[in-house]
Amino acid sequence: MAAQGSGGAYEISQRMTALIGWGGTVDFQEGWVYDQAADTYALDAEMAEKLRQANPEAFRNIVGRMLEAHGRGFWQPDSEKLEKLRKLYDLTDEELEGVTGAG
């Protein structure tokens, strides 16, 4: 999906949203699933850059959903991983605000 540009990034984003919905509906708290999603789509530098360039709003949603999983108690990442996700979210949010403000 990541190779599909903006649409692929959007689809990955939608899957993260579905994962959170699943977590809330059936109390899904398998940490390894959230770890793997974060490691694959947000914390892998090459993948993160590809997704952020293709669709920054989708990337922000991916990272935001990981932070939401933690906030809702579905996932307990280590503090280093959590801090990296927060920084990525803030960076992407600032980039989007800059794009929005320039338009």
N, C-alpha and C. Protein backbone atom coordinates (compact mmCIF):
# COMPACT_ATOMS: atom_id res chain seq x y z
N MET A 1 0.82 -1.20 0.00
CA MET A 1 0.00 0.00 0.00
C MET A 1 0.86 1.26 0.00
N ALA A 2 1.97 1.22 0.70
CA ALA A 2 2.81 2.41 0.79
C ALA A 2 3.31 2.85 -0.58
N ALA A 3 3.45 1.91 -1.51
CA ALA A 3 3.90 2.23 -2.85
C ALA A 3 2.81 2.90 -3.69
N GLN A 4 1.61 2.98 -3.17
CA GLN A 4 0.49 3.54 -3.92
C GLN A 4 0.30 5.04 -3.70
N GLY A 5 1.29 5.70 -3.15
CA GLY A 5 1.23 7.15 -2.98
C GLY A 5 0.21 7.59 -1.96
N SER A 6 -0.46 8.69 -2.27
CA SER A 6 -1.41 9.29 -1.34
C SER A 6 -2.53 8.34 -0.95
N GLY A 7 -3.07 7.63 -1.91
CA GLY A 7 -4.15 6.68 -1.64
C GLY A 7 -3.71 5.54 -0.75
N GLY A 8 -2.51 5.05 -0.96
CA GLY A 8 -1.98 3.98 -0.12
C GLY A 8 -1.77 4.44 1.31
N ALA A 9 -1.23 5.65 1.47
CA ALA A 9 -1.04 6.21 2.80
C ALA A 9 -2.39 6.37 3.50
N TYR A 10 -3.40 6.80 2.75
CA TYR A 10 -4.74 6.94 3.30
C TYR A 10 -5.28 5.59 3.77
N GLU A 11 -5.08 4.54 2.98
CA GLU A 11 -5.56 3.21 3.36
C GLU A 11 -4.87 2.71 4.62
N ILE A 12 -3.58 2.94 4.75
CA ILE A 12 -2.87 2.55 5.96
C ILE A 12 -3.44 3.32 7.15
N SER A 13 -3.68 4.60 6.95
CA SER A 13 -4.26 5.45 7.98
C SER A 13 -5.61 4.90 8.43
N GLN A 14 -6.43 4.49 7.47
CA GLN A 14 -7.75 3.94 7.79
C GLN A 14 -7.64 2.64 8.59
N ARG A 15 -6.63 1.85 8.31
CA ARG A 15 -6.43 0.62 9.07
C ARG A 15 -6.04 0.91 10.51
N MET A 16 -5.28 1.97 10.71
CA MET A 16 -4.94 2.36 12.09
C MET A 16 -6.19 2.83 12.83
N THR A 17 -7.05 3.54 12.14
CA THR A 17 -8.31 3.97 12.75
C THR A 17 -9.16 2.76 13.10
N ALA A 18 -9.20 1.78 12.21
CA ALA A 18 -9.97 0.56 12.48
C ALA A 18 -9.38 -0.22 13.65
N LEU A 19 -8.07 -0.24 13.76
CA LEU A 19 -7.42 -0.93 14.87
C LEU A 19 -7.84 -0.32 16.21
N ILE A 20 -7.89 1.00 16.27
CA ILE A 20 -8.32 1.68 17.49
C ILE A 20 -9.79 1.38 17.77
N GLY A 21 -10.60 1.39 16.73
CA GLY A 21 -12.01 1.05 16.90
C GLY A 21 -12.20 -0.36 17.43
N TRP A 22 -11.40 -1.27 16.92
CA TRP A 22 -11.44 -2.64 17.37
C TRP A 22 -11.02 -2.71 18.83
N GLY A 23 -9.99 -1.97 19.16
CA GLY A 23 -9.52 -1.95 20.55
C GLY A 23 -10.61 -1.49 21.50
N GLY A 24 -11.35 -0.46 21.10
CA GLY A 24 -12.40 0.06 21.95
C GLY A 24 -13.63 -0.82 22.01
N THR A 25 -13.90 -1.53 20.92
CA THR A 25 -15.10 -2.35 20.85
C THR A 25 -14.96 -3.68 21.58
N VAL A 26 -13.83 -4.33 21.38
CA VAL A 26 -13.65 -5.67 21.96
C VAL A 26 -12.53 -5.71 22.99
N ASP A 27 -12.09 -4.54 23.46
CA ASP A 27 -11.03 -4.45 24.46
C ASP A 27 -9.76 -5.16 24.00
N PHE A 28 -9.40 -4.93 22.73
CA PHE A 28 -8.21 -5.53 22.14
C PHE A 28 -6.97 -4.81 22.65
N GLN A 29 -6.11 -5.52 23.36
CA GLN A 29 -4.93 -4.90 23.95
C GLN A 29 -3.67 -5.72 23.70
N GLU A 30 -3.56 -6.32 22.53
CA GLU A 30 -2.37 -7.09 22.19
C GLU A 30 -1.25 -6.12 21.82
N GLY A 31 -0.37 -5.86 22.76
CA GLY A 31 0.68 -4.87 22.58
C GLY A 31 1.54 -5.08 21.36
N TRP A 32 1.81 -6.34 21.01
CA TRP A 32 2.68 -6.61 19.87
C TRP A 32 2.08 -6.07 18.57
N VAL A 33 0.76 -6.04 18.45
CA VAL A 33 0.14 -5.53 17.23
C VAL A 33 0.39 -4.03 17.11
N TYR A 34 0.20 -3.31 18.20
CA TYR A 34 0.45 -1.87 18.20
C TYR A 34 1.94 -1.58 18.01
N ASP A 35 2.80 -2.38 18.66
CA ASP A 35 4.24 -2.21 18.48
C ASP A 35 4.63 -2.38 17.03
N GLN A 36 4.12 -3.43 16.41
CA GLN A 36 4.48 -3.70 15.02
C GLN A 36 3.96 -2.60 14.10
N ALA A 37 2.75 -2.13 14.34
CA ALA A 37 2.20 -1.05 13.51
C ALA A 37 3.05 0.21 13.66
N ALA A 38 3.40 0.57 14.89
CA ALA A 38 4.20 1.77 15.12
C ALA A 38 5.59 1.62 14.49
N ASP A 39 6.21 0.46 14.70
CA ASP A 39 7.55 0.24 14.16
C ASP A 39 7.56 0.26 12.63
N THR A 40 6.53 -0.29 12.03
CA THR A 40 6.47 -0.40 10.57
C THR A 40 6.11 0.91 9.89
N TYR A 41 5.09 1.59 10.40
CA TYR A 41 4.54 2.74 9.67
C TYR A 41 4.95 4.11 10.18
N ALA A 42 5.46 4.18 11.39
CA ALA A 42 5.83 5.49 11.94
C ALA A 42 7.30 5.59 12.31
N LEU A 43 7.86 4.54 12.90
CA LEU A 43 9.21 4.65 13.43
C LEU A 43 10.29 4.18 12.48
N ASP A 44 9.92 3.52 11.40
CA ASP A 44 10.87 3.20 10.35
C ASP A 44 11.07 4.48 9.53
N ALA A 45 12.25 5.04 9.58
CA ALA A 45 12.49 6.36 8.99
C ALA A 45 12.15 6.41 7.50
N GLU A 46 12.51 5.38 6.75
CA GLU A 46 12.24 5.37 5.32
C GLU A 46 10.73 5.32 5.04
N MET A 47 10.03 4.45 5.74
CA MET A 47 8.59 4.34 5.55
C MET A 47 7.89 5.62 6.00
N ALA A 48 8.30 6.16 7.13
CA ALA A 48 7.67 7.39 7.64
C ALA A 48 7.82 8.52 6.63
N GLU A 49 8.99 8.66 6.06
CA GLU A 49 9.22 9.72 5.08
C GLU A 49 8.36 9.50 3.82
N LYS A 50 8.29 8.26 3.38
CA LYS A 50 7.48 7.95 2.20
C LYS A 50 6.01 8.30 2.45
N LEU A 51 5.49 7.90 3.60
CA LEU A 51 4.09 8.18 3.91
C LEU A 51 3.84 9.66 4.13
N ARG A 52 4.76 10.31 4.82
CA ARG A 52 4.60 11.75 5.10
C ARG A 52 4.63 12.56 3.82
N GLN A 53 5.50 12.19 2.89
CA GLN A 53 5.57 12.90 1.62
C GLN A 53 4.33 12.64 0.77
N ALA A 54 3.84 11.40 0.79
CA ALA A 54 2.69 11.04 -0.03
C ALA A 54 1.40 11.66 0.47
N ASN A 55 1.22 11.68 1.80
CA ASN A 55 -0.04 12.16 2.37
C ASN A 55 0.20 12.54 3.83
N PRO A 56 0.63 13.76 4.09
CA PRO A 56 0.97 14.14 5.46
C PRO A 56 -0.20 14.04 6.45
N GLU A 57 -1.40 14.28 5.98
CA GLU A 57 -2.55 14.16 6.89
C GLU A 57 -2.78 12.71 7.30
N ALA A 58 -2.62 11.80 6.36
CA ALA A 58 -2.75 10.38 6.67
C ALA A 58 -1.65 9.96 7.64
N PHE A 59 -0.43 10.43 7.41
CA PHE A 59 0.67 10.09 8.31
C PHE A 59 0.39 10.61 9.72
N ARG A 60 -0.09 11.83 9.81
CA ARG A 60 -0.42 12.39 11.13
C ARG A 60 -1.47 11.51 11.81
N ASN A 61 -2.44 11.03 11.05
CA ASN A 61 -3.47 10.16 11.62
C ASN A 61 -2.87 8.84 12.11
N ILE A 62 -1.95 8.27 11.34
CA ILE A 62 -1.30 7.02 11.74
C ILE A 62 -0.62 7.20 13.09
N VAL A 63 0.18 8.24 13.20
CA VAL A 63 0.90 8.49 14.45
C VAL A 63 -0.09 8.85 15.56
N GLY A 64 -1.07 9.67 15.24
CA GLY A 64 -2.07 10.05 16.22
C GLY A 64 -2.83 8.86 16.78
N ARG A 65 -3.13 7.91 15.93
CA ARG A 65 -3.84 6.71 16.39
C ARG A 65 -2.97 5.87 17.32
N MET A 66 -1.68 5.85 17.06
CA MET A 66 -0.78 5.13 17.97
C MET A 66 -0.78 5.81 19.35
N LEU A 67 -0.73 7.13 19.33
CA LEU A 67 -0.78 7.88 20.59
C LEU A 67 -2.13 7.69 21.29
N GLU A 68 -3.19 7.62 20.50
CA GLU A 68 -4.51 7.39 21.07
C GLU A 68 -4.59 6.00 21.72
N ALA A 69 -4.00 5.00 21.07
CA ALA A 69 -4.00 3.65 21.65
C ALA A 69 -3.36 3.67 23.03
N HIS A 70 -2.28 4.40 23.16
CA HIS A 70 -1.64 4.54 24.47
C HIS A 70 -2.55 5.29 25.44
N GLY A 71 -3.08 6.41 24.99
CA GLY A 71 -3.93 7.23 25.85
C GLY A 71 -5.17 6.51 26.35
N ARG A 72 -5.69 5.61 25.54
CA ARG A 72 -6.89 4.87 25.92
C ARG A 72 -6.56 3.59 26.68
N GLY A 73 -5.27 3.34 26.91
CA GLY A 73 -4.86 2.18 27.70
C GLY A 73 -4.82 0.88 26.94
N PHE A 74 -4.87 0.93 25.60
CA PHE A 74 -4.81 -0.30 24.80
C PHE A 74 -3.38 -0.79 24.64
N TRP A 75 -2.43 0.13 24.78
CA TRP A 75 -1.04 -0.16 24.44
C TRP A 75 -0.12 0.58 25.39
N GLN A 76 0.90 -0.09 25.86
CA GLN A 76 1.86 0.51 26.79
C GLN A 76 3.28 0.44 26.20
N PRO A 77 3.58 1.34 25.26
CA PRO A 77 4.94 1.34 24.68
C PRO A 77 5.95 1.86 25.71
N ASP A 78 7.22 1.57 25.46
CA ASP A 78 8.23 2.13 26.35
C ASP A 78 8.30 3.63 26.14
N SER A 79 8.88 4.32 27.10
CA SER A 79 8.88 5.78 27.08
C SER A 79 9.64 6.34 25.87
N GLU A 80 10.67 5.66 25.42
CA GLU A 80 11.43 6.13 24.25
C GLU A 80 10.57 6.08 22.99
N LYS A 81 9.85 4.99 22.79
CA LYS A 81 8.98 4.85 21.62
C LYS A 81 7.87 5.90 21.67
N LEU A 82 7.31 6.09 22.84
CA LEU A 82 6.24 7.07 23.00
C LEU A 82 6.73 8.48 22.70
N GLU A 83 7.90 8.81 23.17
CA GLU A 83 8.46 10.14 22.91
C GLU A 83 8.74 10.35 21.41
N LYS A 84 9.25 9.32 20.74
CA LYS A 84 9.48 9.41 19.30
C LYS A 84 8.17 9.66 18.55
N LEU A 85 7.12 8.97 18.95
CA LEU A 85 5.82 9.15 18.31
C LEU A 85 5.29 10.56 18.55
N ARG A 86 5.44 11.06 19.75
CA ARG A 86 4.99 12.43 20.05
C ARG A 86 5.73 13.45 19.20
N LYS A 87 7.04 13.27 19.06
CA LYS A 87 7.83 14.19 18.24
C LYS A 87 7.42 14.13 16.77
N LEU A 88 7.18 12.92 16.28
CA LEU A 88 6.73 12.77 14.89
C LEU A 88 5.38 13.45 14.68
N TYR A 89 4.49 13.29 15.64
CA TYR A 89 3.17 13.91 15.53
C TYR A 89 3.31 15.43 15.51
N ASP A 90 4.09 15.96 16.44
CA ASP A 90 4.28 17.42 16.50
C ASP A 90 4.92 17.95 15.22
N LEU A 91 5.93 17.26 14.72
CA LEU A 91 6.60 17.67 13.49
C LEU A 91 5.63 17.70 12.32
N THR A 92 4.86 16.64 12.17
CA THR A 92 3.91 16.56 11.06
C THR A 92 2.81 17.59 11.22
N ASP A 93 2.34 17.79 12.44
CA ASP A 93 1.32 18.80 12.69
C ASP A 93 1.83 20.19 12.32
N GLU A 94 3.06 20.49 12.70
CA GLU A 94 3.66 21.79 12.37
C GLU A 94 3.81 21.95 10.86
N GLU A 95 4.22 20.87 10.18
CA GLU A 95 4.35 20.94 8.72
C GLU A 95 3.00 21.20 8.07
N LEU A 96 1.97 20.51 8.54
CA LEU A 96 0.64 20.73 7.98
C LEU A 96 0.12 22.13 8.26
N GLU A 97 0.37 22.62 9.44
CA GLU A 97 -0.06 23.98 9.76
C GLU A 97 0.67 25.00 8.89
N GLY A 98 1.93 24.73 8.61
CA GLY A 98 2.69 25.62 7.74
C GLY A 98 2.15 25.61 6.32
N VAL A 99 1.79 24.44 5.84
CA VAL A 99 1.20 24.31 4.51
C VAL A 99 -0.15 25.00 4.48
N THR A 100 -0.95 24.79 5.51
CA THR A 100 -2.27 25.41 5.58
C THR A 100 -2.16 26.91 5.65
N GLY A 101 -1.22 27.41 6.47
CA GLY A 101 -1.05 28.85 6.63
C GLY A 101 -0.54 29.54 5.37
N ALA A 102 0.21 28.79 4.54
CA ALA A 102 0.78 29.40 3.34
C ALA A 102 -0.22 29.45 2.19
N GLY A 103 -1.31 28.66 2.29
CA GLY A 103 -2.24 28.57 1.18
C GLY A 103 -3.32 29.59 1.17
